[in-house]
PDB file of N, CA and C in Angstrom:
ATOM      1  N   MET A   1       0.849  -1.167   0.000  1.00  0.00           N
ATOM      2  CA  MET A   1       0.000   0.000   0.000  1.00  0.00           C
ATOM      3  C   MET A   1       0.896   1.231   0.000  1.00  0.00           C
ATOM      4  N   PHE A   2       0.617   2.175  -0.863  1.00  0.00           N
ATOM      5  CA  PHE A   2       1.359   3.422  -0.923  1.00  0.00           C
ATOM      6  C   PHE A   2       0.458   4.557  -0.491  1.00  0.00           C
ATOM      7  N   SER A   3       0.967   5.398   0.373  1.00  0.00           N
ATOM      8  CA  SER A   3       0.208   6.543   0.857  1.00  0.00           C
ATOM      9  C   SER A   3       0.865   7.813   0.355  1.00  0.00           C
ATOM     10  N   ASP A   4       0.166   8.561  -0.477  1.00  0.00           N
ATOM     11  CA  ASP A   4       0.698   9.794  -1.045  1.00  0.00           C
ATOM     12  C   ASP A   4       0.334  10.943  -0.116  1.00  0.00           C
ATOM     13  N   GLU A   5       1.263  11.287   0.789  1.00  0.00           N
ATOM     14  CA  GLU A   5       1.010  12.336   1.765  1.00  0.00           C
ATOM     15  C   GLU A   5       1.814  13.575   1.418  1.00  0.00           C
ATOM     16  N   ASP A   6       1.361  14.703   1.914  1.00  0.00           N
ATOM     17  CA  ASP A   6       2.107  15.943   1.735  1.00  0.00           C
ATOM     18  C   ASP A   6       3.462  15.824   2.412  1.00  0.00           C
ATOM     19  N   SER A   7       4.474  16.433   1.794  1.00  0.00           N
ATOM     20  CA  SER A   7       5.797  16.420   2.423  1.00  0.00           C
ATOM     21  C   SER A   7       5.813  17.388   3.601  1.00  0.00           C
ATOM     22  N   ARG A   8       6.553  17.026   4.600  1.00  0.00           N
ATOM     23  CA  ARG A   8       6.709  17.854   5.788  1.00  0.00           C
ATOM     24  C   ARG A   8       8.185  17.926   6.132  1.00  0.00           C
ATOM     25  N   LYS A   9       8.594  19.023   6.745  1.00  0.00           N
ATOM     26  CA  LYS A   9      10.015  19.197   7.022  1.00  0.00           C
ATOM     27  C   LYS A   9      10.563  18.195   8.039  1.00  0.00           C
ATOM     28  N   ASP A  10       9.695  17.571   8.835  1.00  0.00           N
ATOM     29  CA  ASP A  10      10.177  16.618   9.825  1.00  0.00           C
ATOM     30  C   ASP A  10      10.164  15.175   9.310  1.00  0.00           C
ATOM     31  N   ARG A  11       9.976  14.998   8.010  1.00  0.00           N
ATOM     32  CA  ARG A  11       9.957  13.656   7.422  1.00  0.00           C
ATOM     33  C   ARG A  11      11.047  13.517   6.385  1.00  0.00           C
ATOM     34  N   GLN A  12      11.542  12.309   6.247  1.00  0.00           N
ATOM     35  CA  GLN A  12      12.512  12.003   5.205  1.00  0.00           C
ATOM     36  C   GLN A  12      11.780  11.948   3.871  1.00  0.00           C
ATOM     37  N   PRO A  13      12.461  12.247   2.781  1.00  0.00           N
ATOM     38  CA  PRO A  13      11.788  12.176   1.490  1.00  0.00           C
ATOM     39  C   PRO A  13      11.561  10.742   1.010  1.00  0.00           C
ATOM     40  N   GLU A  14      12.287   9.781   1.578  1.00  0.00           N
ATOM     41  CA  GLU A  14      12.133   8.394   1.166  1.00  0.00           C
ATOM     42  C   GLU A  14      10.846   7.803   1.728  1.00  0.00           C
ATOM     43  N   PHE A  15      10.392   6.756   1.098  1.00  0.00           N
ATOM     44  CA  PHE A  15       9.224   6.030   1.573  1.00  0.00           C
ATOM     45  C   PHE A  15       9.619   5.298   2.849  1.00  0.00           C
ATOM     46  N   THR A  16       8.936   5.548   3.939  1.00  0.00           N
ATOM     47  CA  THR A  16       9.344   4.974   5.223  1.00  0.00           C
ATOM     48  C   THR A  16       8.218   4.259   5.952  1.00  0.00           C
ATOM     49  N   GLN A  17       7.143   3.957   5.268  1.00  0.00           N
ATOM     50  CA  GLN A  17       6.001   3.346   5.934  1.00  0.00           C
ATOM     51  C   GLN A  17       5.793   1.927   5.439  1.00  0.00           C
ATOM     52  N   LEU A  18       5.535   1.033   6.363  1.00  0.00           N
ATOM     53  CA  LEU A  18       5.229  -0.343   6.036  1.00  0.00           C
ATOM     54  C   LEU A  18       3.904  -0.686   6.704  1.00  0.00           C
ATOM     55  N   ASP A  19       2.916  -1.012   5.901  1.00  0.00           N
ATOM     56  CA  ASP A  19       1.614  -1.386   6.437  1.00  0.00           C
ATOM     57  C   ASP A  19       1.508  -2.906   6.472  1.00  0.00           C
ATOM     58  N   LEU A  20       1.063  -3.431   7.588  1.00  0.00           N
ATOM     59  CA  LEU A  20       0.879  -4.869   7.747  1.00  0.00           C
ATOM     60  C   LEU A  20      -0.603  -5.166   7.891  1.00  0.00           C
ATOM     61  N   GLU A  21      -1.058  -6.134   7.147  1.00  0.00           N
ATOM     62  CA  GLU A  21      -2.432  -6.604   7.326  1.00  0.00           C
ATOM     63  C   GLU A  21      -2.343  -8.009   7.895  1.00  0.00           C
ATOM     64  N   MET A  22      -2.762  -8.148   9.145  1.00  0.00           N
ATOM     65  CA  MET A  22      -2.646  -9.419   9.844  1.00  0.00           C
ATOM     66  C   MET A  22      -3.923  -9.652  10.643  1.00  0.00           C
ATOM     67  N   SER A  23      -4.286 -10.898  10.757  1.00  0.00           N
ATOM     68  CA  SER A  23      -5.490 -11.243  11.518  1.00  0.00           C
ATOM     69  C   SER A  23      -5.124 -12.094  12.725  1.00  0.00           C
ATOM     70  N   PHE A  24      -5.823 -11.862  13.800  1.00  0.00           N
ATOM     71  CA  PHE A  24      -5.716 -12.694  15.002  1.00  0.00           C
ATOM     72  C   PHE A  24      -4.281 -12.788  15.517  1.00  0.00           C
ATOM     73  N   VAL A  25      -3.635 -11.645  15.661  1.00  0.00           N
ATOM     74  CA  VAL A  25      -2.260 -11.621  16.143  1.00  0.00           C
ATOM     75  C   VAL A  25      -2.181 -10.845  17.448  1.00  0.00           C
ATOM     76  N   GLU A  26      -1.126 -11.104  18.162  1.00  0.00           N
ATOM     77  CA  GLU A  26      -0.833 -10.392  19.392  1.00  0.00           C
ATOM     78  C   GLU A  26       0.281  -9.382  19.119  1.00  0.00           C
ATOM     79  N   GLU A  27       0.463  -8.447  20.023  1.00  0.00           N
ATOM     80  CA  GLU A  27       1.516  -7.447  19.877  1.00  0.00           C
ATOM     81  C   GLU A  27       2.877  -8.106  19.668  1.00  0.00           C
ATOM     82  N   GLU A  28       3.154  -9.166  20.398  1.00  0.00           N
ATOM     83  CA  GLU A  28       4.432  -9.871  20.293  1.00  0.00           C
ATOM     84  C   GLU A  28       4.650 -10.428  18.886  1.00  0.00           C
ATOM     85  N   ASP A  29       3.587 -10.896  18.227  1.00  0.00           N
ATOM     86  CA  ASP A  29       3.694 -11.396  16.854  1.00  0.00           C
ATOM     87  C   ASP A  29       4.175 -10.303  15.908  1.00  0.00           C
ATOM     88  N   ILE A  30       3.633  -9.111  16.061  1.00  0.00           N
ATOM     89  CA  ILE A  30       3.995  -7.986  15.199  1.00  0.00           C
ATOM     90  C   ILE A  30       5.436  -7.560  15.467  1.00  0.00           C
ATOM     91  N   LEU A  31       5.807  -7.434  16.726  1.00  0.00           N
ATOM     92  CA  LEU A  31       7.171  -7.045  17.074  1.00  0.00           C
ATOM     93  C   LEU A  31       8.189  -8.056  16.553  1.00  0.00           C
ATOM     94  N   ASN A  32       7.895  -9.334  16.693  1.00  0.00           N
ATOM     95  CA  ASN A  32       8.807 -10.373  16.202  1.00  0.00           C
ATOM     96  C   ASN A  32       8.928 -10.335  14.681  1.00  0.00           C
ATOM     97  N   LEU A  33       7.826 -10.142  13.980  1.00  0.00           N
ATOM     98  CA  LEU A  33       7.844 -10.073  12.528  1.00  0.00           C
ATOM     99  C   LEU A  33       8.671  -8.881  12.054  1.00  0.00           C
ATOM    100  N   LEU A  34       8.448  -7.720  12.644  1.00  0.00           N
ATOM    101  CA  LEU A  34       9.193  -6.525  12.243  1.00  0.00           C
ATOM    102  C   LEU A  34      10.681  -6.651  12.557  1.00  0.00           C
ATOM    103  N   GLU A  35      11.002  -7.255  13.679  1.00  0.00           N
ATOM    104  CA  GLU A  35      12.409  -7.483  14.025  1.00  0.00           C
ATOM    105  C   GLU A  35      13.069  -8.367  12.976  1.00  0.00           C
ATOM    106  N   GLU A  36      12.382  -9.409  12.571  1.00  0.00           N
ATOM    107  CA  GLU A  36      12.903 -10.314  11.547  1.00  0.00           C
ATOM    108  C   GLU A  36      13.049  -9.599  10.204  1.00  0.00           C
ATOM    109  N   LEU A  37      12.065  -8.789   9.831  1.00  0.00           N
ATOM    110  CA  LEU A  37      12.137  -8.043   8.573  1.00  0.00           C
ATOM    111  C   LEU A  37      13.317  -7.079   8.559  1.00  0.00           C
ATOM    112  N   PHE A  38      13.468  -6.302   9.617  1.00  0.00           N
ATOM    113  CA  PHE A  38      14.542  -5.311   9.662  1.00  0.00           C
ATOM    114  C   PHE A  38      15.919  -5.962   9.729  1.00  0.00           C
ATOM    115  N   THR A  39      16.080  -6.990  10.537  1.00  0.00           N
ATOM    116  CA  THR A  39      17.388  -7.637  10.617  1.00  0.00           C
ATOM    117  C   THR A  39      17.719  -8.338   9.309  1.00  0.00           C
ATOM    118  N   GLY A  40      16.720  -8.930   8.663  1.00  0.00           N
ATOM    119  CA  GLY A  40      16.939  -9.558   7.359  1.00  0.00           C
ATOM    120  C   GLY A  40      17.354  -8.548   6.309  1.00  0.00           C
ATOM    121  N   MET A  41      16.698  -7.380   6.307  1.00  0.00           N
ATOM    122  CA  MET A  41      17.019  -6.331   5.355  1.00  0.00           C
ATOM    123  C   MET A  41      18.452  -5.824   5.568  1.00  0.00           C
ATOM    124  N   VAL A  42      18.811  -5.548   6.816  1.00  0.00           N
ATOM    125  CA  VAL A  42      20.155  -5.038   7.108  1.00  0.00           C
ATOM    126  C   VAL A  42      21.201  -6.092   6.763  1.00  0.00           C
ATOM    127  N   THR A  43      20.955  -7.338   7.107  1.00  0.00           N
ATOM    128  CA  THR A  43      21.901  -8.414   6.818  1.00  0.00           C
ATOM    129  C   THR A  43      22.118  -8.548   5.319  1.00  0.00           C
ATOM    130  N   ARG A  44      21.055  -8.387   4.565  1.00  0.00           N
ATOM    131  CA  ARG A  44      21.171  -8.518   3.113  1.00  0.00           C
ATOM    132  C   ARG A  44      21.888  -7.318   2.490  1.00  0.00           C
ATOM    133  N   LEU A  45      21.604  -6.113   2.990  1.00  0.00           N
ATOM    134  CA  LEU A  45      22.190  -4.906   2.411  1.00  0.00           C
ATOM    135  C   LEU A  45      23.588  -4.608   2.942  1.00  0.00           C
ATOM    136  N   LYS A  46      23.814  -4.888   4.203  1.00  0.00           N
ATOM    137  CA  LYS A  46      25.101  -4.602   4.858  1.00  0.00           C
ATOM    138  C   LYS A  46      25.512  -5.796   5.709  1.00  0.00           C
ATOM    139  N   PRO A  47      25.938  -6.891   5.095  1.00  0.00           N
ATOM    140  CA  PRO A  47      26.239  -8.104   5.866  1.00  0.00           C
ATOM    141  C   PRO A  47      27.335  -7.921   6.914  1.00  0.00           C
ATOM    142  N   GLU A  48      28.149  -6.878   6.773  1.00  0.00           N
ATOM    143  CA  GLU A  48      29.218  -6.647   7.748  1.00  0.00           C
ATOM    144  C   GLU A  48      28.713  -6.049   9.064  1.00  0.00           C
ATOM    145  N   LEU A  49      27.486  -5.536   9.068  1.00  0.00           N
ATOM    146  CA  LEU A  49      26.929  -4.948  10.292  1.00  0.00           C
ATOM    147  C   LEU A  49      26.412  -6.042  11.220  1.00  0.00           C
ATOM    148  N   LYS A  50      26.676  -5.878  12.487  1.00  0.00           N
ATOM    149  CA  LYS A  50      26.193  -6.822  13.503  1.00  0.00           C
ATOM    150  C   LYS A  50      24.924  -6.254  14.117  1.00  0.00           C
ATOM    151  N   ILE A  51      23.838  -6.981  14.020  1.00  0.00           N
ATOM    152  CA  ILE A  51      22.564  -6.563  14.592  1.00  0.00           C
ATOM    153  C   ILE A  51      22.302  -7.382  15.849  1.00  0.00           C
ATOM    154  N   ASN A  52      22.158  -6.700  16.967  1.00  0.00           N
ATOM    155  CA  ASN A  52      21.868  -7.393  18.233  1.00  0.00           C
ATOM    156  C   ASN A  52      20.403  -7.755  18.299  1.00  0.00           C
ATOM    157  N   ARG A  53      20.150  -9.007  18.596  1.00  0.00           N
ATOM    158  CA  ARG A  53      18.785  -9.493  18.769  1.00  0.00           C
ATOM    159  C   ARG A  53      18.710 -10.255  20.067  1.00  0.00           C
ATOM    160  N   PRO A  54      17.588 -10.205  20.725  1.00  0.00           N
ATOM    161  CA  PRO A  54      16.385  -9.457  20.372  1.00  0.00           C
ATOM    162  C   PRO A  54      16.583  -7.958  20.570  1.00  0.00           C
ATOM    163  N   PHE A  55      15.766  -7.172  19.877  1.00  0.00           N
ATOM    164  CA  PHE A  55      15.819  -5.720  20.019  1.00  0.00           C
ATOM    165  C   PHE A  55      15.438  -5.335  21.440  1.00  0.00           C
ATOM    166  N   LEU A  56      16.043  -4.254  21.914  1.00  0.00           N
ATOM    167  CA  LEU A  56      15.682  -3.706  23.210  1.00  0.00           C
ATOM    168  C   LEU A  56      14.237  -3.214  23.156  1.00  0.00           C
ATOM    169  N   ARG A  57      13.450  -3.591  24.103  1.00  0.00           N
ATOM    170  CA  ARG A  57      12.057  -3.147  24.171  1.00  0.00           C
ATOM    171  C   ARG A  57      11.808  -2.518  25.522  1.00  0.00           C
ATOM    172  N   LEU A  58      11.321  -1.297  25.479  1.00  0.00           N
ATOM    173  CA  LEU A  58      10.974  -0.575  26.695  1.00  0.00           C
ATOM    174  C   LEU A  58       9.496  -0.252  26.663  1.00  0.00           C
ATOM    175  N   SER A  59       8.854  -0.415  27.786  1.00  0.00           N
ATOM    176  CA  SER A  59       7.476   0.048  27.876  1.00  0.00           C
ATOM    177  C   SER A  59       7.495   1.576  27.954  1.00  0.00           C
ATOM    178  N   TYR A  60       6.359   2.185  27.760  1.00  0.00           N
ATOM    179  CA  TYR A  60       6.264   3.636  27.879  1.00  0.00           C
ATOM    180  C   TYR A  60       6.729   4.076  29.265  1.00  0.00           C
ATOM    181  N   ALA A  61       6.277   3.366  30.282  1.00  0.00           N
ATOM    182  CA  ALA A  61       6.648   3.714  31.663  1.00  0.00           C
ATOM    183  C   ALA A  61       8.159   3.600  31.868  1.00  0.00           C
ATOM    184  N   GLU A  62       8.775   2.549  31.330  1.00  0.00           N
ATOM    185  CA  GLU A  62      10.221   2.384  31.463  1.00  0.00           C
ATOM    186  C   GLU A  62      10.981   3.501  30.743  1.00  0.00           C
ATOM    187  N   ALA A  63      10.526   3.857  29.552  1.00  0.00           N
ATOM    188  CA  ALA A  63      11.184   4.935  28.795  1.00  0.00           C
ATOM    189  C   ALA A  63      11.086   6.260  29.531  1.00  0.00           C
ATOM    190  N   MET A  64       9.917   6.537  30.073  1.00  0.00           N
ATOM    191  CA  MET A  64       9.739   7.797  30.793  1.00  0.00           C
ATOM    192  C   MET A  64      10.588   7.829  32.059  1.00  0.00           C
ATOM    193  N   GLU A  65      10.660   6.694  32.757  1.00  0.00           N
ATOM    194  CA  GLU A  65      11.444   6.635  33.991  1.00  0.00           C
ATOM    195  C   GLU A  65      12.943   6.757  33.703  1.00  0.00           C
ATOM    196  N   LYS A  66      13.400   6.078  32.675  1.00  0.00           N
ATOM    197  CA  LYS A  66      14.835   6.042  32.385  1.00  0.00           C
ATOM    198  C   LYS A  66      15.323   7.289  31.643  1.00  0.00           C
ATOM    199  N   TYR A  67      14.536   7.770  30.647  1.00  0.00           N
ATOM    200  CA  TYR A  67      14.993   8.853  29.785  1.00  0.00           C
ATOM    201  C   TYR A  67      14.203  10.152  29.937  1.00  0.00           C
ATOM    202  N   GLY A  68      13.050  10.091  30.556  1.00  0.00           N
ATOM    203  CA  GLY A  68      12.237  11.286  30.717  1.00  0.00           C
ATOM    204  C   GLY A  68      11.422  11.647  29.498  1.00  0.00           C
ATOM    205  N   LEU A  69      11.495  10.837  28.446  1.00  0.00           N
ATOM    206  CA  LEU A  69      10.703  11.028  27.237  1.00  0.00           C
ATOM    207  C   LEU A  69      10.621   9.701  26.493  1.00  0.00           C
ATOM    208  N   ASP A  70       9.683   9.627  25.581  1.00  0.00           N
ATOM    209  CA  ASP A  70       9.516   8.375  24.835  1.00  0.00           C
ATOM    210  C   ASP A  70      10.068   8.512  23.421  1.00  0.00           C
ATOM    211  N   ASN A  71      11.194   9.207  23.300  1.00  0.00           N
ATOM    212  CA  ASN A  71      11.861   9.393  22.023  1.00  0.00           C
ATOM    213  C   ASN A  71      12.307   8.052  21.465  1.00  0.00           C
ATOM    214  N   ARG A  72      12.548   8.005  20.170  1.00  0.00           N
ATOM    215  CA  ARG A  72      12.889   6.753  19.515  1.00  0.00           C
ATOM    216  C   ARG A  72      14.373   6.448  19.517  1.00  0.00           C
ATOM    217  N   THR A  73      15.143   7.028  20.382  1.00  0.00           N
ATOM    218  CA  THR A  73      16.572   6.752  20.378  1.00  0.00           C
ATOM    219  C   THR A  73      17.066   6.395  21.775  1.00  0.00           C
ATOM    220  N   CYS A  74      18.009   5.501  21.789  1.00  0.00           N
ATOM    221  CA  CYS A  74      18.700   5.172  23.046  1.00  0.00           C
ATOM    222  C   CYS A  74      20.186   5.452  22.850  1.00  0.00           C
ATOM    223  N   ALA A  75      20.514   6.322  21.872  1.00  0.00           N
ATOM    224  CA  ALA A  75      21.895   6.588  21.511  1.00  0.00           C
ATOM    225  C   ALA A  75      22.677   7.317  22.575  1.00  0.00           C
ATOM    226  N   SER A  76      22.009   8.066  23.405  1.00  0.00           N
ATOM    227  CA  SER A  76      22.726   8.789  24.447  1.00  0.00           C
ATOM    228  C   SER A  76      21.897   8.802  25.732  1.00  0.00           C
ATOM    229  N   ASP A  77      22.572   9.035  26.812  1.00  0.00           N
ATOM    230  CA  ASP A  77      21.895   9.106  28.104  1.00  0.00           C
ATOM    231  C   ASP A  77      21.225  10.478  28.223  1.00  0.00           C
ATOM    232  N   TRP A  78      19.932  10.504  28.341  1.00  0.00           N
ATOM    233  CA  TRP A  78      19.176  11.756  28.336  1.00  0.00           C
ATOM    234  C   TRP A  78      19.223  12.459  29.686  1.00  0.00           C
ATOM    235  N   ARG A  79      19.726  11.810  30.686  1.00  0.00           N
ATOM    236  CA  ARG A  79      19.760  12.436  32.015  1.00  0.00           C
ATOM    237  C   ARG A  79      21.069  13.106  32.258  1.00  0.00           C
TER     238      ARG A  79
END
């Protein structure tokens, strides 16, 4: 599925959306599928990169407690 949306300055110009149509799944099923898709893609495109699995997963409460925000990066210590 392709979504033709207006460009915004806070978005990359590349297509960055993946829509999944799945029935009778749990949150864990979706997370596992996406982890497999992303690690497979990186392994195929950049086999020299080491991808740590399983991916780090934080609940909203854990992210807020540890970093003070629910930003999508764990690259630096926010405190």
